[in-house]
Amino acid sequence: MDELRWNKEFALDQADGDEELLHELIDLFIESSVKAGYPELLRHLRAGNARGIVSSAHGIKGAAASLGFESIREQAKEIESIAREGKTVDEEKIGRLGILLKMVRDLRSRAV
C-alpha cells in the first residue's frame, strides 16, 4: 500500500477532520475515478482519442490531488501530459494507474 503514497492527514484536513465525511469523499472518488473515469480513459485510449485521454486523466488527477493520493495524481498527470503533447500513451502507464486506483478501492473496503 506504500505505493499509493496516500497523505491521509491532508485528506482528513480536506474533510475538516471528519472521518465519516472522508469515507464519503473516498466513496465519491471511487465512483467518479475508479468506476467511471478509468474505464472512460481506456475507451479513449482504444479509440486513439488524445483529447479524451487528456480530459479523463485530468479529471482523475484533480480528484486524486484533492484527497492526497499522490501516486495516482502523478501517474494521471504523466498520462495527461503525454497525450497533450500528441504522443502515444503507453498502455503500461494506463495499467499502472488502474492498479493504483484498485488500491483505493481495496483501502476503502478495509474502512480506511
N, C-alpha and C. Protein backbone atom coordinates (compact mmCIF):
# COMPACT_ATOMS: atom_id res chain seq x y z
N MET A 1 0.82 -1.19 0.00
CA MET A 1 0.00 0.00 0.00
C MET A 1 0.87 1.26 0.00
N ASP A 2 2.14 1.11 0.32
CA ASP A 2 3.05 2.25 0.29
C ASP A 2 3.13 2.86 -1.11
N GLU A 3 2.89 2.04 -2.12
CA GLU A 3 2.93 2.54 -3.50
C GLU A 3 1.90 3.64 -3.73
N LEU A 4 0.80 3.57 -3.01
CA LEU A 4 -0.28 4.54 -3.18
C LEU A 4 0.15 5.93 -2.72
N ARG A 5 1.04 5.97 -1.72
CA ARG A 5 1.52 7.24 -1.17
C ARG A 5 0.36 8.17 -0.86
N TRP A 6 -0.48 7.71 0.05
CA TRP A 6 -1.66 8.48 0.44
C TRP A 6 -1.33 9.36 1.63
N ASN A 7 -1.56 10.63 1.48
CA ASN A 7 -1.39 11.58 2.56
C ASN A 7 -2.73 11.70 3.29
N LYS A 8 -2.96 10.76 4.20
CA LYS A 8 -4.25 10.70 4.90
C LYS A 8 -4.49 11.95 5.72
N GLU A 9 -3.43 12.52 6.31
CA GLU A 9 -3.60 13.73 7.11
C GLU A 9 -4.14 14.87 6.25
N PHE A 10 -3.62 15.00 5.04
CA PHE A 10 -4.11 16.03 4.12
C PHE A 10 -5.57 15.77 3.78
N ALA A 11 -5.89 14.51 3.46
CA ALA A 11 -7.26 14.15 3.10
C ALA A 11 -8.22 14.42 4.26
N LEU A 12 -7.80 14.08 5.45
CA LEU A 12 -8.63 14.31 6.62
C LEU A 12 -8.81 15.82 6.86
N ASP A 13 -7.78 16.58 6.59
CA ASP A 13 -7.88 18.03 6.70
C ASP A 13 -8.89 18.57 5.69
N GLN A 14 -8.90 18.00 4.49
CA GLN A 14 -9.87 18.41 3.45
C GLN A 14 -11.29 18.13 3.92
N ALA A 15 -11.44 17.12 4.79
CA ALA A 15 -12.76 16.75 5.32
C ALA A 15 -13.01 17.40 6.69
N ASP A 16 -12.24 18.44 6.99
CA ASP A 16 -12.38 19.15 8.27
C ASP A 16 -12.29 18.22 9.48
N GLY A 17 -11.44 17.20 9.36
CA GLY A 17 -11.23 16.28 10.48
C GLY A 17 -12.33 15.27 10.69
N ASP A 18 -13.30 15.23 9.80
CA ASP A 18 -14.47 14.35 9.93
C ASP A 18 -14.21 13.03 9.18
N GLU A 19 -13.95 11.97 9.94
CA GLU A 19 -13.65 10.65 9.34
C GLU A 19 -14.80 10.15 8.46
N GLU A 20 -16.03 10.36 8.92
CA GLU A 20 -17.18 9.90 8.15
C GLU A 20 -17.25 10.64 6.80
N LEU A 21 -17.02 11.93 6.84
CA LEU A 21 -17.01 12.71 5.59
C LEU A 21 -15.88 12.24 4.69
N LEU A 22 -14.72 11.94 5.25
CA LEU A 22 -13.61 11.43 4.46
C LEU A 22 -14.00 10.14 3.76
N HIS A 23 -14.68 9.25 4.47
CA HIS A 23 -15.13 8.00 3.86
C HIS A 23 -16.08 8.29 2.69
N GLU A 24 -16.97 9.25 2.88
CA GLU A 24 -17.89 9.63 1.80
C GLU A 24 -17.14 10.20 0.60
N LEU A 25 -16.13 11.03 0.87
CA LEU A 25 -15.33 11.60 -0.23
C LEU A 25 -14.57 10.52 -0.98
N ILE A 26 -14.05 9.55 -0.26
CA ILE A 26 -13.35 8.45 -0.92
C ILE A 26 -14.33 7.63 -1.75
N ASP A 27 -15.54 7.41 -1.22
CA ASP A 27 -16.56 6.69 -1.98
C ASP A 27 -16.90 7.44 -3.28
N LEU A 28 -16.98 8.76 -3.19
CA LEU A 28 -17.22 9.58 -4.40
C LEU A 28 -16.06 9.45 -5.38
N PHE A 29 -14.84 9.44 -4.86
CA PHE A 29 -13.66 9.26 -5.71
C PHE A 29 -13.73 7.92 -6.43
N ILE A 30 -14.11 6.89 -5.70
CA ILE A 30 -14.22 5.56 -6.31
C ILE A 30 -15.26 5.57 -7.42
N GLU A 31 -16.40 6.19 -7.17
CA GLU A 31 -17.45 6.26 -8.19
C GLU A 31 -17.00 7.04 -9.41
N SER A 32 -16.39 8.21 -9.18
CA SER A 32 -16.06 9.09 -10.30
C SER A 32 -14.78 8.69 -11.03
N SER A 33 -13.79 8.23 -10.30
CA SER A 33 -12.49 7.96 -10.92
C SER A 33 -12.24 6.48 -11.20
N VAL A 34 -12.60 5.64 -10.25
CA VAL A 34 -12.33 4.21 -10.41
C VAL A 34 -13.38 3.56 -11.31
N LYS A 35 -14.64 3.79 -11.02
CA LYS A 35 -15.71 3.11 -11.76
C LYS A 35 -16.09 3.81 -13.06
N ALA A 36 -15.90 5.12 -13.15
CA ALA A 36 -16.29 5.85 -14.35
C ALA A 36 -15.08 6.39 -15.11
N GLY A 37 -14.21 7.12 -14.45
CA GLY A 37 -13.10 7.79 -15.13
C GLY A 37 -12.10 6.85 -15.77
N TYR A 38 -11.73 5.80 -15.05
CA TYR A 38 -10.73 4.88 -15.60
C TYR A 38 -11.26 4.11 -16.82
N PRO A 39 -12.47 3.54 -16.76
CA PRO A 39 -13.00 2.88 -17.97
C PRO A 39 -13.13 3.85 -19.15
N GLU A 40 -13.48 5.10 -18.85
CA GLU A 40 -13.56 6.12 -19.90
C GLU A 40 -12.17 6.36 -20.51
N LEU A 41 -11.17 6.42 -19.66
CA LEU A 41 -9.79 6.60 -20.12
C LEU A 41 -9.39 5.44 -21.05
N LEU A 42 -9.75 4.23 -20.67
CA LEU A 42 -9.44 3.06 -21.51
C LEU A 42 -10.14 3.15 -22.86
N ARG A 43 -11.41 3.59 -22.85
CA ARG A 43 -12.14 3.73 -24.12
C ARG A 43 -11.46 4.75 -25.03
N HIS A 44 -11.03 5.86 -24.46
CA HIS A 44 -10.34 6.88 -25.25
C HIS A 44 -9.01 6.35 -25.78
N LEU A 45 -8.31 5.59 -24.97
CA LEU A 45 -7.04 5.01 -25.40
C LEU A 45 -7.27 4.08 -26.60
N ARG A 46 -8.24 3.20 -26.48
CA ARG A 46 -8.54 2.24 -27.57
C ARG A 46 -9.00 2.93 -28.84
N ALA A 47 -9.69 4.08 -28.67
CA ALA A 47 -10.18 4.83 -29.83
C ALA A 47 -9.13 5.77 -30.41
N GLY A 48 -7.99 5.88 -29.72
CA GLY A 48 -6.95 6.80 -30.17
C GLY A 48 -7.35 8.25 -30.02
N ASN A 49 -8.20 8.53 -29.05
CA ASN A 49 -8.72 9.88 -28.83
C ASN A 49 -7.86 10.61 -27.79
N ALA A 50 -6.85 11.31 -28.25
CA ALA A 50 -5.92 12.01 -27.36
C ALA A 50 -6.63 13.05 -26.51
N ARG A 51 -7.54 13.78 -27.10
CA ARG A 51 -8.27 14.81 -26.35
C ARG A 51 -9.08 14.17 -25.21
N GLY A 52 -9.68 13.04 -25.48
CA GLY A 52 -10.43 12.32 -24.45
C GLY A 52 -9.52 11.78 -23.35
N ILE A 53 -8.34 11.31 -23.73
CA ILE A 53 -7.36 10.83 -22.75
C ILE A 53 -6.96 11.99 -21.84
N VAL A 54 -6.69 13.14 -22.43
CA VAL A 54 -6.31 14.32 -21.65
C VAL A 54 -7.42 14.65 -20.65
N SER A 55 -8.65 14.68 -21.11
CA SER A 55 -9.77 15.05 -20.26
C SER A 55 -9.96 14.05 -19.11
N SER A 56 -9.94 12.78 -19.43
CA SER A 56 -10.13 11.75 -18.40
C SER A 56 -9.00 11.76 -17.39
N ALA A 57 -7.78 11.82 -17.87
CA ALA A 57 -6.62 11.83 -16.97
C ALA A 57 -6.63 13.08 -16.10
N HIS A 58 -7.02 14.20 -16.68
CA HIS A 58 -7.09 15.45 -15.92
C HIS A 58 -8.09 15.34 -14.77
N GLY A 59 -9.25 14.75 -15.04
CA GLY A 59 -10.27 14.58 -14.01
C GLY A 59 -9.79 13.69 -12.87
N ILE A 60 -9.15 12.59 -13.23
CA ILE A 60 -8.62 11.67 -12.22
C ILE A 60 -7.53 12.37 -11.41
N LYS A 61 -6.68 13.10 -12.10
CA LYS A 61 -5.59 13.83 -11.43
C LYS A 61 -6.13 14.79 -10.39
N GLY A 62 -7.10 15.57 -10.75
CA GLY A 62 -7.66 16.55 -9.82
C GLY A 62 -8.34 15.91 -8.63
N ALA A 63 -9.10 14.87 -8.89
CA ALA A 63 -9.78 14.18 -7.80
C ALA A 63 -8.78 13.54 -6.85
N ALA A 64 -7.73 12.94 -7.40
CA ALA A 64 -6.69 12.31 -6.57
C ALA A 64 -5.95 13.35 -5.75
N ALA A 65 -5.66 14.49 -6.35
CA ALA A 65 -4.95 15.56 -5.64
C ALA A 65 -5.76 16.07 -4.46
N SER A 66 -7.07 16.16 -4.64
CA SER A 66 -7.91 16.69 -3.57
C SER A 66 -7.99 15.78 -2.36
N LEU A 67 -7.63 14.49 -2.55
CA LEU A 67 -7.67 13.54 -1.44
C LEU A 67 -6.29 13.03 -1.04
N GLY A 68 -5.26 13.63 -1.59
CA GLY A 68 -3.90 13.27 -1.18
C GLY A 68 -3.39 11.95 -1.72
N PHE A 69 -3.98 11.44 -2.80
CA PHE A 69 -3.49 10.21 -3.44
C PHE A 69 -2.38 10.58 -4.43
N GLU A 70 -1.17 10.74 -3.89
CA GLU A 70 -0.05 11.29 -4.66
C GLU A 70 0.37 10.43 -5.84
N SER A 71 0.45 9.13 -5.68
CA SER A 71 0.88 8.27 -6.79
C SER A 71 -0.11 8.33 -7.95
N ILE A 72 -1.39 8.38 -7.61
CA ILE A 72 -2.42 8.46 -8.65
C ILE A 72 -2.33 9.81 -9.36
N ARG A 73 -2.19 10.88 -8.57
CA ARG A 73 -2.06 12.22 -9.16
C ARG A 73 -0.89 12.28 -10.13
N GLU A 74 0.25 11.76 -9.70
CA GLU A 74 1.44 11.80 -10.55
C GLU A 74 1.28 10.97 -11.82
N GLN A 75 0.71 9.78 -11.69
CA GLN A 75 0.53 8.90 -12.85
C GLN A 75 -0.45 9.53 -13.85
N ALA A 76 -1.56 10.06 -13.33
CA ALA A 76 -2.54 10.70 -14.20
C ALA A 76 -1.96 11.94 -14.86
N LYS A 77 -1.15 12.70 -14.13
CA LYS A 77 -0.52 13.89 -14.69
C LYS A 77 0.41 13.51 -15.85
N GLU A 78 1.16 12.43 -15.67
CA GLU A 78 2.07 11.99 -16.71
C GLU A 78 1.29 11.55 -17.96
N ILE A 79 0.22 10.81 -17.76
CA ILE A 79 -0.62 10.37 -18.88
C ILE A 79 -1.21 11.59 -19.60
N GLU A 80 -1.72 12.53 -18.82
CA GLU A 80 -2.30 13.75 -19.39
C GLU A 80 -1.26 14.51 -20.22
N SER A 81 -0.07 14.66 -19.69
CA SER A 81 0.99 15.40 -20.39
C SER A 81 1.39 14.73 -21.70
N ILE A 82 1.54 13.42 -21.67
CA ILE A 82 1.92 12.68 -22.87
C ILE A 82 0.87 12.86 -23.96
N ALA A 83 -0.41 12.68 -23.58
CA ALA A 83 -1.49 12.82 -24.56
C ALA A 83 -1.61 14.26 -25.05
N ARG A 84 -1.41 15.21 -24.17
CA ARG A 84 -1.50 16.63 -24.54
C ARG A 84 -0.43 16.99 -25.58
N GLU A 85 0.74 16.33 -25.48
CA GLU A 85 1.82 16.56 -26.45
C GLU A 85 1.59 15.82 -27.76
N GLY A 86 0.51 15.07 -27.84
CA GLY A 86 0.20 14.34 -29.06
C GLY A 86 0.96 13.04 -29.21
N LYS A 87 1.58 12.61 -28.15
CA LYS A 87 2.33 11.35 -28.18
C LYS A 87 1.42 10.20 -27.80
N THR A 88 1.84 9.00 -28.15
CA THR A 88 1.08 7.80 -27.81
C THR A 88 1.33 7.44 -26.35
N VAL A 89 0.25 7.23 -25.64
CA VAL A 89 0.34 6.85 -24.22
C VAL A 89 0.58 5.35 -24.16
N ASP A 90 1.61 4.98 -23.44
CA ASP A 90 1.96 3.59 -23.24
C ASP A 90 0.86 2.90 -22.41
N GLU A 91 0.37 1.78 -22.90
CA GLU A 91 -0.67 1.05 -22.17
C GLU A 91 -0.20 0.64 -20.78
N GLU A 92 1.08 0.47 -20.61
CA GLU A 92 1.62 0.11 -19.29
C GLU A 92 1.35 1.23 -18.28
N LYS A 93 1.44 2.47 -18.72
CA LYS A 93 1.17 3.61 -17.83
C LYS A 93 -0.31 3.61 -17.41
N ILE A 94 -1.16 3.32 -18.36
CA ILE A 94 -2.60 3.26 -18.06
C ILE A 94 -2.87 2.10 -17.09
N GLY A 95 -2.23 0.96 -17.34
CA GLY A 95 -2.39 -0.19 -16.46
C GLY A 95 -1.90 0.09 -15.06
N ARG A 96 -0.81 0.81 -14.95
CA ARG A 96 -0.26 1.18 -13.64
C ARG A 96 -1.25 2.06 -12.89
N LEU A 97 -1.88 2.99 -13.60
CA LEU A 97 -2.91 3.83 -12.99
C LEU A 97 -4.07 2.97 -12.49
N GLY A 98 -4.45 1.98 -13.27
CA GLY A 98 -5.52 1.08 -12.86
C GLY A 98 -5.19 0.33 -11.58
N ILE A 99 -3.96 -0.09 -11.45
CA ILE A 99 -3.52 -0.79 -10.23
C ILE A 99 -3.63 0.14 -9.02
N LEU A 100 -3.18 1.37 -9.19
CA LEU A 100 -3.25 2.34 -8.09
C LEU A 100 -4.69 2.64 -7.71
N LEU A 101 -5.56 2.77 -8.70
CA LEU A 101 -6.97 3.02 -8.42
C LEU A 101 -7.60 1.85 -7.67
N LYS A 102 -7.21 0.64 -8.03
CA LYS A 102 -7.72 -0.55 -7.33
C LYS A 102 -7.28 -0.52 -5.87
N MET A 103 -6.10 -0.01 -5.61
CA MET A 103 -5.62 0.09 -4.23
C MET A 103 -6.53 0.98 -3.39
N VAL A 104 -7.08 2.02 -3.99
CA VAL A 104 -8.01 2.89 -3.26
C VAL A 104 -9.27 2.12 -2.93
N ARG A 105 -9.78 1.38 -3.89
CA ARG A 105 -10.97 0.56 -3.66
C ARG A 105 -10.71 -0.44 -2.54
N ASP A 106 -9.54 -1.07 -2.57
CA ASP A 106 -9.18 -2.03 -1.53
C ASP A 106 -9.03 -1.34 -0.18
N LEU A 107 -8.44 -0.17 -0.19
CA LEU A 107 -8.27 0.62 1.03
C LEU A 107 -9.63 0.92 1.65
N ARG A 108 -10.55 1.35 0.83
CA ARG A 108 -11.89 1.70 1.31
C ARG A 108 -12.63 0.49 1.83
N SER A 109 -12.42 -0.67 1.22
CA SER A 109 -13.10 -1.88 1.69
C SER A 109 -12.64 -2.28 3.09
N ARG A 110 -11.47 -1.78 3.48
CA ARG A 110 -10.99 -2.02 4.83
C ARG A 110 -11.41 -0.89 5.77
N ALA A 111 -12.34 -0.06 5.32
CA ALA A 111 -12.93 1.04 6.09
C ALA A 111 -11.91 2.11 6.47
N VAL A 112 -10.89 2.28 5.62
CA VAL A 112 -9.85 3.30 5.79
C VAL A 112 -9.41 3.23 7.20
